[in-house]
Amino acid sequence: MAGIPLSYIVHRLHGLADHFWTRPESADCTVIVPLPIAPVPSSANGFGTRRGSARFAGAGDRNPRHADSTSMRRLTFRLHKDYLSTQSTLFRQFLSSATPLDLDTGCTTPPDGSFLPLLNPFGQPRLLSSNPDNPTLFLPLPDPSSFTILLHYLYHGDFEVVARSMSQKKVRWEGVVMNADFLGLDEVLKNELGVWWRRNISPLA
């Protein structure tokens, strides 16, 4: 896709979102998000779970699989690399170089060598041992509860879903902003979040 503007590629991906959002069987990567000890509120479209693991399956499947009580509390998402790496610098750094040499090394820095600050007791993002063609990324986040909403945005490009979830207090503005910064999402989303803050939070401050 050399020479094709990234904005055009993202626009085309958004146009295909309804197809891929509901088809986890076509996924080519897995993202595991560890959960804190306290229960994490469900995300606005129902994929959140308070314990165990939830299989990302789009709007057509809302029955999370639960891990046994001895396993780490986590959310597990089966996703598509194109939607992640075209819109997030963090995903691009990890998923674009998921070769056998990158996997299961215990590396705590992205492949480009930059250092990520320690976020929580789970440490930093890292690739786990997995098929290089279908890599698994362990992804501690500042706010796991808002990740599914951001995934919906990456697939569909629809900020209204994010705005509605914040207005209904299903996710926190601060959590969305922290995740967006950490994942290295585009300025368009950050500008939208700034506009929403000025309209809904700033007047009350």
N, C-alpha and C. Protein backbone atom coordinates (compact mmCIF):
# COMPACT_ATOMS: atom_id res chain seq x y z
N MET A 1 0.83 -1.20 0.00
CA MET A 1 0.00 0.00 0.00
C MET A 1 0.87 1.26 0.00
N ALA A 2 2.11 1.09 -0.46
CA ALA A 2 3.02 2.23 -0.51
C ALA A 2 2.45 3.31 -1.41
N GLY A 3 2.56 4.54 -0.98
CA GLY A 3 2.10 5.65 -1.78
C GLY A 3 0.65 6.02 -1.57
N ILE A 4 -0.11 5.17 -0.87
CA ILE A 4 -1.52 5.46 -0.61
C ILE A 4 -1.62 6.23 0.70
N PRO A 5 -2.30 7.39 0.70
CA PRO A 5 -2.41 8.17 1.94
C PRO A 5 -3.02 7.34 3.07
N LEU A 6 -2.45 7.49 4.26
CA LEU A 6 -2.97 6.74 5.40
C LEU A 6 -4.42 7.09 5.68
N SER A 7 -4.77 8.35 5.51
CA SER A 7 -6.15 8.77 5.77
C SER A 7 -7.13 8.03 4.87
N TYR A 8 -6.71 7.75 3.64
CA TYR A 8 -7.59 7.02 2.70
C TYR A 8 -7.74 5.57 3.17
N ILE A 9 -6.65 4.97 3.61
CA ILE A 9 -6.70 3.58 4.08
C ILE A 9 -7.63 3.47 5.29
N VAL A 10 -7.49 4.41 6.23
CA VAL A 10 -8.34 4.39 7.43
C VAL A 10 -9.80 4.58 7.05
N HIS A 11 -10.06 5.49 6.11
CA HIS A 11 -11.44 5.71 5.66
C HIS A 11 -12.03 4.43 5.08
N ARG A 12 -11.26 3.72 4.28
CA ARG A 12 -11.76 2.46 3.71
C ARG A 12 -11.98 1.41 4.80
N LEU A 13 -11.09 1.36 5.77
CA LEU A 13 -11.27 0.41 6.87
C LEU A 13 -12.55 0.70 7.64
N HIS A 14 -12.81 1.98 7.89
CA HIS A 14 -14.05 2.35 8.59
C HIS A 14 -15.27 1.90 7.80
N GLY A 15 -15.19 1.97 6.49
CA GLY A 15 -16.30 1.54 5.65
C GLY A 15 -16.56 0.05 5.73
N LEU A 16 -15.55 -0.73 6.12
CA LEU A 16 -15.69 -2.18 6.23
C LEU A 16 -15.90 -2.64 7.68
N ALA A 17 -16.02 -1.69 8.58
CA ALA A 17 -16.05 -2.02 10.01
C ALA A 17 -17.19 -2.95 10.39
N ASP A 18 -18.38 -2.73 9.84
CA ASP A 18 -19.52 -3.57 10.22
C ASP A 18 -19.26 -5.04 9.91
N HIS A 19 -18.48 -5.30 8.88
CA HIS A 19 -18.15 -6.68 8.53
C HIS A 19 -17.18 -7.30 9.53
N PHE A 20 -16.09 -6.59 9.83
CA PHE A 20 -15.05 -7.17 10.68
C PHE A 20 -15.38 -7.09 12.16
N TRP A 21 -16.15 -6.08 12.58
CA TRP A 21 -16.49 -5.92 14.00
C TRP A 21 -17.21 -7.13 14.56
N THR A 22 -17.97 -7.81 13.74
CA THR A 22 -18.76 -8.96 14.19
C THR A 22 -18.16 -10.29 13.77
N ARG A 23 -16.90 -10.29 13.31
CA ARG A 23 -16.28 -11.53 12.84
C ARG A 23 -14.91 -11.75 13.48
N PRO A 24 -14.88 -12.09 14.75
CA PRO A 24 -13.59 -12.33 15.41
C PRO A 24 -12.84 -13.52 14.82
N GLU A 25 -13.55 -14.42 14.12
CA GLU A 25 -12.87 -15.56 13.53
C GLU A 25 -11.89 -15.14 12.43
N SER A 26 -12.04 -13.92 11.93
CA SER A 26 -11.11 -13.42 10.91
C SER A 26 -9.97 -12.61 11.51
N ALA A 27 -9.90 -12.54 12.83
CA ALA A 27 -8.88 -11.73 13.51
C ALA A 27 -7.48 -12.26 13.22
N ASP A 28 -6.50 -11.35 13.23
CA ASP A 28 -5.12 -11.75 13.01
C ASP A 28 -4.19 -11.27 14.14
N CYS A 29 -4.78 -10.93 15.29
CA CYS A 29 -3.97 -10.65 16.48
C CYS A 29 -4.88 -10.75 17.70
N THR A 30 -4.25 -10.89 18.87
CA THR A 30 -4.97 -10.95 20.13
C THR A 30 -4.37 -9.93 21.08
N VAL A 31 -5.23 -9.22 21.80
CA VAL A 31 -4.78 -8.25 22.79
C VAL A 31 -5.34 -8.66 24.14
N ILE A 32 -4.46 -8.82 25.13
CA ILE A 32 -4.85 -9.19 26.48
C ILE A 32 -4.66 -7.98 27.39
N VAL A 33 -5.74 -7.53 28.02
CA VAL A 33 -5.70 -6.38 28.92
C VAL A 33 -5.92 -6.87 30.34
N PRO A 34 -4.90 -6.80 31.21
CA PRO A 34 -5.09 -7.22 32.60
C PRO A 34 -5.97 -6.22 33.34
N LEU A 35 -6.72 -6.74 34.30
CA LEU A 35 -7.64 -5.90 35.08
C LEU A 35 -7.11 -5.68 36.48
N PRO A 36 -7.39 -4.52 37.05
CA PRO A 36 -7.00 -4.26 38.43
C PRO A 36 -7.82 -5.10 39.39
N ILE A 37 -7.47 -5.05 40.67
CA ILE A 37 -8.17 -5.84 41.67
C ILE A 37 -9.63 -5.43 41.77
N ALA A 38 -9.89 -4.12 41.75
CA ALA A 38 -11.27 -3.65 41.84
C ALA A 38 -12.00 -3.97 40.55
N PRO A 39 -13.32 -4.30 40.60
CA PRO A 39 -14.08 -4.59 39.38
C PRO A 39 -14.04 -3.42 38.42
N VAL A 40 -13.94 -3.73 37.13
CA VAL A 40 -13.96 -2.71 36.08
C VAL A 40 -15.36 -2.62 35.52
N PRO A 41 -15.98 -1.43 35.48
CA PRO A 41 -17.33 -1.29 34.95
C PRO A 41 -17.41 -1.78 33.52
N SER A 42 -18.56 -2.32 33.14
CA SER A 42 -18.76 -2.76 31.77
C SER A 42 -18.70 -1.57 30.83
N SER A 43 -18.17 -1.79 29.64
CA SER A 43 -18.13 -0.74 28.63
C SER A 43 -19.51 -0.58 28.01
N ALA A 44 -19.68 0.50 27.26
CA ALA A 44 -21.01 0.89 26.81
C ALA A 44 -21.65 -0.13 25.89
N ASN A 45 -20.85 -0.89 25.12
CA ASN A 45 -21.48 -1.84 24.21
C ASN A 45 -21.46 -3.25 24.74
N GLY A 46 -21.21 -3.42 26.05
CA GLY A 46 -21.48 -4.70 26.68
C GLY A 46 -20.35 -5.70 26.68
N PHE A 47 -19.14 -5.32 26.20
CA PHE A 47 -18.08 -6.31 26.14
C PHE A 47 -17.28 -6.39 27.41
N GLY A 48 -17.45 -5.43 28.33
CA GLY A 48 -16.67 -5.45 29.56
C GLY A 48 -17.10 -6.59 30.46
N THR A 49 -16.18 -7.04 31.29
CA THR A 49 -16.51 -8.07 32.25
C THR A 49 -15.75 -7.78 33.53
N ARG A 50 -16.31 -8.13 34.66
CA ARG A 50 -15.69 -7.78 35.94
C ARG A 50 -14.66 -8.79 36.39
N ARG A 51 -14.62 -9.96 35.78
CA ARG A 51 -13.61 -10.93 36.14
C ARG A 51 -13.42 -11.89 34.99
N GLY A 52 -12.32 -12.65 35.03
CA GLY A 52 -12.08 -13.61 33.97
C GLY A 52 -11.68 -12.93 32.68
N SER A 53 -12.03 -13.53 31.55
CA SER A 53 -11.65 -12.98 30.26
C SER A 53 -12.86 -12.88 29.37
N ALA A 54 -12.88 -11.86 28.54
CA ALA A 54 -13.97 -11.68 27.60
C ALA A 54 -13.43 -11.79 26.20
N ARG A 55 -14.04 -12.59 25.36
CA ARG A 55 -13.61 -12.74 23.98
C ARG A 55 -14.26 -11.66 23.14
N PHE A 56 -13.43 -10.80 22.53
CA PHE A 56 -13.98 -9.78 21.66
C PHE A 56 -14.67 -10.46 20.49
N ALA A 57 -15.95 -10.16 20.29
CA ALA A 57 -16.66 -10.81 19.20
C ALA A 57 -17.63 -9.87 18.53
N GLY A 58 -17.45 -8.58 18.69
CA GLY A 58 -18.34 -7.65 18.04
C GLY A 58 -19.73 -7.67 18.64
N ALA A 59 -20.63 -6.93 18.00
CA ALA A 59 -21.95 -6.75 18.56
C ALA A 59 -22.77 -8.02 18.57
N GLY A 60 -22.35 -9.05 17.82
CA GLY A 60 -23.17 -10.24 17.72
C GLY A 60 -22.95 -11.25 18.82
N ASP A 61 -21.96 -11.04 19.69
CA ASP A 61 -21.65 -12.04 20.71
C ASP A 61 -21.33 -11.31 22.00
N ARG A 62 -22.21 -11.44 23.00
CA ARG A 62 -22.00 -10.71 24.25
C ARG A 62 -21.90 -11.66 25.43
N ASN A 63 -21.37 -12.86 25.19
CA ASN A 63 -21.23 -13.84 26.26
C ASN A 63 -19.76 -14.07 26.54
N PRO A 64 -19.16 -13.37 27.51
CA PRO A 64 -17.74 -13.52 27.78
C PRO A 64 -17.42 -14.89 28.35
N ARG A 65 -16.23 -15.38 27.99
CA ARG A 65 -15.73 -16.62 28.59
C ARG A 65 -15.00 -16.26 29.87
N HIS A 66 -15.26 -16.99 30.93
CA HIS A 66 -14.65 -16.69 32.22
C HIS A 66 -13.51 -17.66 32.49
N ALA A 67 -12.39 -17.10 32.91
CA ALA A 67 -11.27 -17.92 33.30
C ALA A 67 -11.52 -18.49 34.68
N ASP A 68 -10.75 -19.53 35.07
CA ASP A 68 -10.94 -20.07 36.41
C ASP A 68 -10.41 -19.09 37.44
N SER A 69 -10.72 -19.34 38.71
CA SER A 69 -10.44 -18.37 39.76
C SER A 69 -8.96 -18.17 40.01
N THR A 70 -8.10 -19.08 39.54
CA THR A 70 -6.68 -18.96 39.79
C THR A 70 -5.97 -18.16 38.70
N SER A 71 -6.64 -17.84 37.62
CA SER A 71 -5.98 -17.14 36.53
C SER A 71 -6.08 -15.64 36.71
N MET A 72 -5.25 -14.93 35.98
CA MET A 72 -5.28 -13.47 36.03
C MET A 72 -6.60 -12.95 35.51
N ARG A 73 -7.14 -11.95 36.20
CA ARG A 73 -8.34 -11.30 35.70
C ARG A 73 -7.94 -10.47 34.49
N ARG A 74 -8.63 -10.65 33.38
CA ARG A 74 -8.20 -10.01 32.15
C ARG A 74 -9.35 -9.94 31.16
N LEU A 75 -9.17 -9.07 30.19
CA LEU A 75 -10.04 -9.03 29.02
C LEU A 75 -9.21 -9.47 27.82
N THR A 76 -9.76 -10.35 27.01
CA THR A 76 -9.05 -10.85 25.85
C THR A 76 -9.83 -10.47 24.60
N PHE A 77 -9.16 -9.80 23.66
CA PHE A 77 -9.80 -9.31 22.45
C PHE A 77 -9.12 -9.91 21.22
N ARG A 78 -9.92 -10.46 20.33
CA ARG A 78 -9.43 -10.94 19.04
C ARG A 78 -9.71 -9.85 18.02
N LEU A 79 -8.63 -9.29 17.47
CA LEU A 79 -8.75 -8.06 16.69
C LEU A 79 -8.04 -8.19 15.35
N HIS A 80 -8.09 -7.10 14.60
CA HIS A 80 -7.51 -7.05 13.26
C HIS A 80 -6.40 -6.00 13.23
N LYS A 81 -5.20 -6.44 12.86
CA LYS A 81 -4.02 -5.58 12.93
C LYS A 81 -4.18 -4.30 12.13
N ASP A 82 -4.83 -4.37 10.97
CA ASP A 82 -4.94 -3.18 10.13
C ASP A 82 -5.64 -2.04 10.86
N TYR A 83 -6.68 -2.36 11.62
CA TYR A 83 -7.42 -1.32 12.34
C TYR A 83 -6.58 -0.72 13.47
N LEU A 84 -5.69 -1.50 14.04
CA LEU A 84 -4.90 -1.03 15.17
C LEU A 84 -3.64 -0.29 14.71
N SER A 85 -2.89 -0.91 13.83
CA SER A 85 -1.58 -0.35 13.46
C SER A 85 -1.68 0.90 12.60
N THR A 86 -2.79 1.11 11.92
CA THR A 86 -2.93 2.32 11.10
C THR A 86 -3.32 3.54 11.91
N GLN A 87 -3.76 3.33 13.16
CA GLN A 87 -4.29 4.45 13.94
C GLN A 87 -3.64 4.62 15.32
N SER A 88 -2.72 3.75 15.66
CA SER A 88 -2.08 3.81 16.98
C SER A 88 -0.58 3.58 16.81
N THR A 89 0.22 4.52 17.32
CA THR A 89 1.67 4.34 17.21
C THR A 89 2.15 3.17 18.06
N LEU A 90 1.52 2.94 19.22
CA LEU A 90 1.94 1.81 20.05
C LEU A 90 1.66 0.49 19.35
N PHE A 91 0.45 0.31 18.83
CA PHE A 91 0.15 -0.93 18.13
C PHE A 91 1.04 -1.09 16.91
N ARG A 92 1.32 0.00 16.22
CA ARG A 92 2.17 -0.08 15.03
C ARG A 92 3.56 -0.56 15.40
N GLN A 93 4.09 -0.06 16.51
CA GLN A 93 5.43 -0.44 16.93
C GLN A 93 5.53 -1.93 17.27
N PHE A 94 4.51 -2.46 17.92
CA PHE A 94 4.55 -3.85 18.31
C PHE A 94 4.11 -4.80 17.20
N LEU A 95 2.98 -4.53 16.59
CA LEU A 95 2.38 -5.50 15.67
C LEU A 95 3.04 -5.51 14.30
N SER A 96 3.70 -4.43 13.92
CA SER A 96 4.33 -4.41 12.60
C SER A 96 5.64 -5.18 12.58
N SER A 97 6.13 -5.59 13.75
CA SER A 97 7.40 -6.33 13.80
C SER A 97 7.28 -7.56 14.67
N ALA A 98 6.13 -8.20 14.60
CA ALA A 98 5.90 -9.40 15.41
C ALA A 98 6.52 -10.61 14.73
N THR A 99 7.85 -10.67 14.72
CA THR A 99 8.58 -11.80 14.15
C THR A 99 8.90 -12.79 15.26
N PRO A 100 9.34 -14.00 14.90
CA PRO A 100 9.68 -14.96 15.95
C PRO A 100 10.72 -14.44 16.94
N LEU A 101 11.63 -13.56 16.51
CA LEU A 101 12.64 -13.02 17.41
C LEU A 101 12.06 -12.04 18.41
N ASP A 102 10.90 -11.45 18.07
CA ASP A 102 10.28 -10.48 18.97
C ASP A 102 9.47 -11.15 20.07
N LEU A 103 9.03 -12.37 19.84
CA LEU A 103 8.06 -12.99 20.72
C LEU A 103 8.70 -13.69 21.91
N ASP A 104 8.01 -13.59 23.06
CA ASP A 104 8.40 -14.29 24.28
C ASP A 104 9.82 -13.96 24.72
N THR A 105 10.20 -12.70 24.60
CA THR A 105 11.54 -12.30 25.01
C THR A 105 11.52 -11.61 26.37
N GLY A 106 10.31 -11.29 26.86
CA GLY A 106 10.23 -10.54 28.09
C GLY A 106 10.59 -9.08 27.90
N CYS A 107 10.67 -8.64 26.66
CA CYS A 107 11.04 -7.26 26.36
C CYS A 107 9.99 -6.30 26.89
N THR A 108 10.44 -5.22 27.53
CA THR A 108 9.50 -4.24 28.07
C THR A 108 9.55 -2.93 27.32
N THR A 109 10.14 -2.92 26.15
CA THR A 109 10.15 -1.73 25.32
C THR A 109 9.63 -2.09 23.95
N PRO A 110 9.01 -1.16 23.24
CA PRO A 110 8.55 -1.45 21.90
C PRO A 110 9.71 -1.69 20.96
N PRO A 111 9.47 -2.33 19.80
CA PRO A 111 10.56 -2.70 18.91
C PRO A 111 11.43 -1.55 18.44
N ASP A 112 10.95 -0.32 18.46
CA ASP A 112 11.78 0.79 17.98
C ASP A 112 12.76 1.27 19.05
N GLY A 113 12.71 0.67 20.24
CA GLY A 113 13.68 0.99 21.26
C GLY A 113 13.24 2.07 22.23
N SER A 114 12.13 2.73 21.98
CA SER A 114 11.69 3.77 22.90
C SER A 114 11.21 3.15 24.20
N PHE A 115 11.28 3.91 25.28
CA PHE A 115 10.94 3.38 26.61
C PHE A 115 9.56 3.86 27.00
N LEU A 116 8.75 2.95 27.46
CA LEU A 116 7.42 3.28 27.93
C LEU A 116 7.42 3.37 29.45
N PRO A 117 6.82 4.41 30.02
CA PRO A 117 6.81 4.53 31.48
C PRO A 117 6.01 3.42 32.13
N LEU A 118 6.43 3.02 33.32
CA LEU A 118 5.70 2.00 34.07
C LEU A 118 4.33 2.54 34.47
N LEU A 119 3.28 1.79 34.13
CA LEU A 119 1.93 2.27 34.37
C LEU A 119 1.33 1.69 35.65
N ASN A 120 1.55 0.42 35.88
CA ASN A 120 0.89 -0.25 36.99
C ASN A 120 1.65 -1.53 37.31
N PRO A 121 1.21 -2.29 38.30
CA PRO A 121 1.96 -3.49 38.69
C PRO A 121 2.10 -4.53 37.59
N PHE A 122 1.29 -4.44 36.54
CA PHE A 122 1.40 -5.40 35.44
C PHE A 122 2.56 -5.10 34.52
N GLY A 123 3.23 -3.97 34.73
CA GLY A 123 4.38 -3.65 33.91
C GLY A 123 4.02 -2.97 32.61
N GLN A 124 4.79 -3.25 31.58
CA GLN A 124 4.65 -2.57 30.31
C GLN A 124 4.14 -3.52 29.23
N PRO A 125 3.64 -2.97 28.11
CA PRO A 125 3.19 -3.83 27.01
C PRO A 125 4.32 -4.72 26.51
N ARG A 126 3.96 -5.93 26.10
CA ARG A 126 4.95 -6.84 25.55
C ARG A 126 4.26 -7.91 24.72
N LEU A 127 4.98 -8.39 23.73
CA LEU A 127 4.49 -9.50 22.93
C LEU A 127 4.70 -10.80 23.68
N LEU A 128 3.68 -11.66 23.65
CA LEU A 128 3.77 -12.96 24.29
C LEU A 128 4.10 -14.02 23.24
N SER A 129 4.51 -15.17 23.73
CA SER A 129 4.80 -16.28 22.83
C SER A 129 3.54 -16.66 22.07
N SER A 130 3.60 -16.61 20.75
CA SER A 130 2.42 -16.87 19.93
C SER A 130 2.86 -17.02 18.48
N ASN A 131 1.93 -17.33 17.63
CA ASN A 131 2.18 -17.43 16.20
C ASN A 131 2.53 -16.05 15.66
N PRO A 132 3.68 -15.86 15.01
CA PRO A 132 4.04 -14.54 14.50
C PRO A 132 3.01 -13.97 13.53
N ASP A 133 2.27 -14.85 12.86
CA ASP A 133 1.23 -14.38 11.93
C ASP A 133 -0.04 -13.96 12.65
N ASN A 134 -0.13 -14.32 13.93
CA ASN A 134 -1.29 -13.95 14.74
C ASN A 134 -0.79 -13.63 16.14
N PRO A 135 -0.05 -12.52 16.29
CA PRO A 135 0.63 -12.23 17.56
C PRO A 135 -0.33 -11.90 18.69
N THR A 136 0.15 -12.11 19.90
CA THR A 136 -0.60 -11.78 21.11
C THR A 136 0.15 -10.70 21.87
N LEU A 137 -0.53 -9.59 22.14
CA LEU A 137 0.06 -8.46 22.85
C LEU A 137 -0.53 -8.34 24.24
N PHE A 138 0.32 -8.37 25.25
CA PHE A 138 -0.10 -8.13 26.63
C PHE A 138 -0.07 -6.62 26.84
N LEU A 139 -1.23 -6.03 27.17
CA LEU A 139 -1.38 -4.58 27.12
C LEU A 139 -1.97 -4.01 28.42
N PRO A 140 -1.15 -3.75 29.43
CA PRO A 140 -1.65 -3.02 30.60
C PRO A 140 -2.03 -1.60 30.19
N LEU A 141 -3.20 -1.15 30.59
CA LEU A 141 -3.70 0.17 30.20
C LEU A 141 -3.97 1.04 31.42
N PRO A 142 -3.90 2.35 31.24
CA PRO A 142 -4.27 3.24 32.35
C PRO A 142 -5.71 3.04 32.79
N ASP A 143 -6.61 2.75 31.83
CA ASP A 143 -8.04 2.61 32.14
C ASP A 143 -8.64 1.49 31.29
N PRO A 144 -8.58 0.24 31.76
CA PRO A 144 -9.12 -0.87 30.97
C PRO A 144 -10.60 -0.71 30.63
N SER A 145 -11.37 -0.03 31.48
CA SER A 145 -12.82 0.03 31.30
C SER A 145 -13.24 0.77 30.04
N SER A 146 -12.38 1.64 29.50
CA SER A 146 -12.77 2.41 28.31
C SER A 146 -12.14 1.87 27.03
N PHE A 147 -11.44 0.75 27.12
CA PHE A 147 -10.73 0.25 25.94
C PHE A 147 -11.69 -0.19 24.83
N THR A 148 -12.79 -0.86 25.21
CA THR A 148 -13.72 -1.33 24.19
C THR A 148 -14.33 -0.17 23.41
N ILE A 149 -14.62 0.93 24.10
CA ILE A 149 -15.16 2.10 23.43
C ILE A 149 -14.16 2.65 22.41
N LEU A 150 -12.88 2.66 22.79
CA LEU A 150 -11.85 3.12 21.86
C LEU A 150 -11.70 2.15 20.69
N LEU A 151 -11.86 0.86 20.95
CA LEU A 151 -11.82 -0.10 19.84
C LEU A 151 -12.95 0.18 18.85
N HIS A 152 -14.13 0.46 19.38
CA HIS A 152 -15.25 0.79 18.49
C HIS A 152 -14.91 2.00 17.64
N TYR A 153 -14.26 2.99 18.25
CA TYR A 153 -13.87 4.18 17.50
C TYR A 153 -12.84 3.83 16.42
N LEU A 154 -11.85 2.99 16.74
CA LEU A 154 -10.84 2.62 15.76
C LEU A 154 -11.45 1.86 14.59
N TYR A 155 -12.46 1.06 14.86
CA TYR A 155 -13.09 0.30 13.78
C TYR A 155 -14.05 1.16 12.96
N HIS A 156 -14.83 1.99 13.62
CA HIS A 156 -15.90 2.71 12.93
C HIS A 156 -15.63 4.19 12.69
N GLY A 157 -14.71 4.78 13.46
CA GLY A 157 -14.45 6.20 13.32
C GLY A 157 -15.60 7.07 13.77
N ASP A 158 -16.42 6.56 14.67
CA ASP A 158 -17.63 7.26 15.11
C ASP A 158 -17.43 7.79 16.52
N PHE A 159 -17.15 9.08 16.64
CA PHE A 159 -16.92 9.67 17.96
C PHE A 159 -18.21 9.76 18.76
N GLU A 160 -19.36 9.76 18.12
CA GLU A 160 -20.62 9.89 18.85
C GLU A 160 -20.80 8.77 19.87
N VAL A 161 -20.31 7.58 19.55
CA VAL A 161 -20.41 6.47 20.50
C VAL A 161 -19.55 6.76 21.73
N VAL A 162 -18.36 7.31 21.52
CA VAL A 162 -17.50 7.69 22.63
C VAL A 162 -18.17 8.79 23.46
N ALA A 163 -18.68 9.82 22.78
CA ALA A 163 -19.31 10.95 23.48
C ALA A 163 -20.52 10.49 24.28
N ARG A 164 -21.33 9.63 23.71
CA ARG A 164 -22.53 9.15 24.41
C ARG A 164 -22.15 8.33 25.65
N SER A 165 -21.12 7.53 25.52
CA SER A 165 -20.68 6.72 26.66
C SER A 165 -20.16 7.60 27.79
N MET A 166 -19.46 8.68 27.45
CA MET A 166 -18.98 9.60 28.48
C MET A 166 -20.13 10.37 29.10
N SER A 167 -21.08 10.81 28.29
CA SER A 167 -22.22 11.56 28.81
C SER A 167 -23.07 10.72 29.75
N GLN A 168 -23.17 9.42 29.43
CA GLN A 168 -23.95 8.51 30.26
C GLN A 168 -23.14 7.95 31.43
N LYS A 169 -21.89 8.43 31.55
CA LYS A 169 -21.00 8.03 32.64
C LYS A 169 -20.70 6.53 32.65
N LYS A 170 -20.73 5.94 31.48
CA LYS A 170 -20.33 4.54 31.35
C LYS A 170 -18.81 4.41 31.26
N VAL A 171 -18.17 5.47 30.78
CA VAL A 171 -16.71 5.57 30.82
C VAL A 171 -16.36 6.99 31.26
N ARG A 172 -15.16 7.18 31.79
CA ARG A 172 -14.74 8.49 32.25
C ARG A 172 -13.92 9.20 31.17
N TRP A 173 -14.14 10.49 31.01
CA TRP A 173 -13.37 11.28 30.06
C TRP A 173 -11.88 11.14 30.34
N GLU A 174 -11.49 11.22 31.62
CA GLU A 174 -10.08 11.14 31.98
C GLU A 174 -9.48 9.80 31.54
N GLY A 175 -10.25 8.71 31.71
CA GLY A 175 -9.75 7.40 31.32
C GLY A 175 -9.57 7.28 29.82
N VAL A 176 -10.53 7.81 29.06
CA VAL A 176 -10.42 7.78 27.60
C VAL A 176 -9.20 8.56 27.13
N VAL A 177 -8.99 9.74 27.73
CA VAL A 177 -7.84 10.57 27.35
C VAL A 177 -6.52 9.87 27.68
N MET A 178 -6.43 9.27 28.87
CA MET A 178 -5.19 8.57 29.24
C MET A 178 -4.90 7.42 28.29
N ASN A 179 -5.93 6.65 27.93
CA ASN A 179 -5.73 5.55 26.99
C ASN A 179 -5.33 6.06 25.61
N ALA A 180 -5.99 7.13 25.15
CA ALA A 180 -5.69 7.69 23.83
C ALA A 180 -4.24 8.16 23.77
N ASP A 181 -3.77 8.82 24.84
CA ASP A 181 -2.39 9.27 24.87
C ASP A 181 -1.42 8.09 24.90
N PHE A 182 -1.74 7.10 25.73
CA PHE A 182 -0.85 5.95 25.87
C PHE A 182 -0.74 5.15 24.57
N LEU A 183 -1.86 4.99 23.89
CA LEU A 183 -1.87 4.21 22.65
C LEU A 183 -1.34 5.01 21.46
N GLY A 184 -1.19 6.32 21.63
CA GLY A 184 -0.72 7.14 20.52
C GLY A 184 -1.75 7.27 19.42
N LEU A 185 -3.00 7.56 19.81
CA LEU A 185 -4.06 7.70 18.81
C LEU A 185 -3.97 9.08 18.16
N ASP A 186 -4.70 9.26 17.05
CA ASP A 186 -4.51 10.46 16.23
C ASP A 186 -5.06 11.73 16.87
N GLU A 187 -4.64 12.85 16.30
CA GLU A 187 -5.04 14.15 16.82
C GLU A 187 -6.52 14.43 16.62
N VAL A 188 -7.12 13.79 15.63
CA VAL A 188 -8.56 14.00 15.39
C VAL A 188 -9.35 13.60 16.62
N LEU A 189 -9.05 12.42 17.17
CA LEU A 189 -9.75 11.96 18.37
C LEU A 189 -9.45 12.89 19.55
N LYS A 190 -8.20 13.27 19.70
CA LYS A 190 -7.84 14.13 20.83
C LYS A 190 -8.53 15.49 20.73
N ASN A 191 -8.68 16.00 19.51
CA ASN A 191 -9.41 17.27 19.33
C ASN A 191 -10.88 17.10 19.70
N GLU A 192 -11.48 15.98 19.29
CA GLU A 192 -12.88 15.71 19.63
C GLU A 192 -13.05 15.62 21.15
N LEU A 193 -12.11 14.97 21.81
CA LEU A 193 -12.18 14.86 23.27
C LEU A 193 -12.04 16.23 23.93
N GLY A 194 -11.20 17.09 23.34
CA GLY A 194 -11.06 18.44 23.88
C GLY A 194 -12.33 19.25 23.73
N VAL A 195 -12.99 19.12 22.58
CA VAL A 195 -14.25 19.82 22.35
C VAL A 195 -15.31 19.33 23.33
N TRP A 196 -15.37 18.01 23.52
CA TRP A 196 -16.36 17.45 24.44
C TRP A 196 -16.11 17.97 25.86
N TRP A 197 -14.86 18.03 26.29
CA TRP A 197 -14.53 18.52 27.63
C TRP A 197 -14.97 19.97 27.80
N ARG A 198 -14.70 20.80 26.81
CA ARG A 198 -15.08 22.23 26.91
C ARG A 198 -16.58 22.40 26.99
N ARG A 199 -17.34 21.52 26.35
CA ARG A 199 -18.80 21.63 26.35
C ARG A 199 -19.44 21.02 27.57
N ASN A 200 -18.82 19.99 28.12
CA ASN A 200 -19.52 19.23 29.16
C ASN A 200 -18.88 19.27 30.54
N ILE A 201 -17.60 19.55 30.62
CA ILE A 201 -16.92 19.53 31.91
C ILE A 201 -16.42 20.92 32.29
N SER A 202 -15.80 21.61 31.37
CA SER A 202 -15.22 22.92 31.67
C SER A 202 -16.21 23.91 32.27
N PRO A 203 -17.44 23.99 31.74
CA PRO A 203 -18.39 24.96 32.35
C PRO A 203 -18.73 24.66 33.79
N LEU A 204 -18.56 23.39 34.22
CA LEU A 204 -18.92 22.98 35.57
C LEU A 204 -17.76 23.13 36.54
N ALA A 205 -16.56 23.33 35.98
CA ALA A 205 -15.36 23.39 36.83
C ALA A 205 -15.31 24.67 37.64
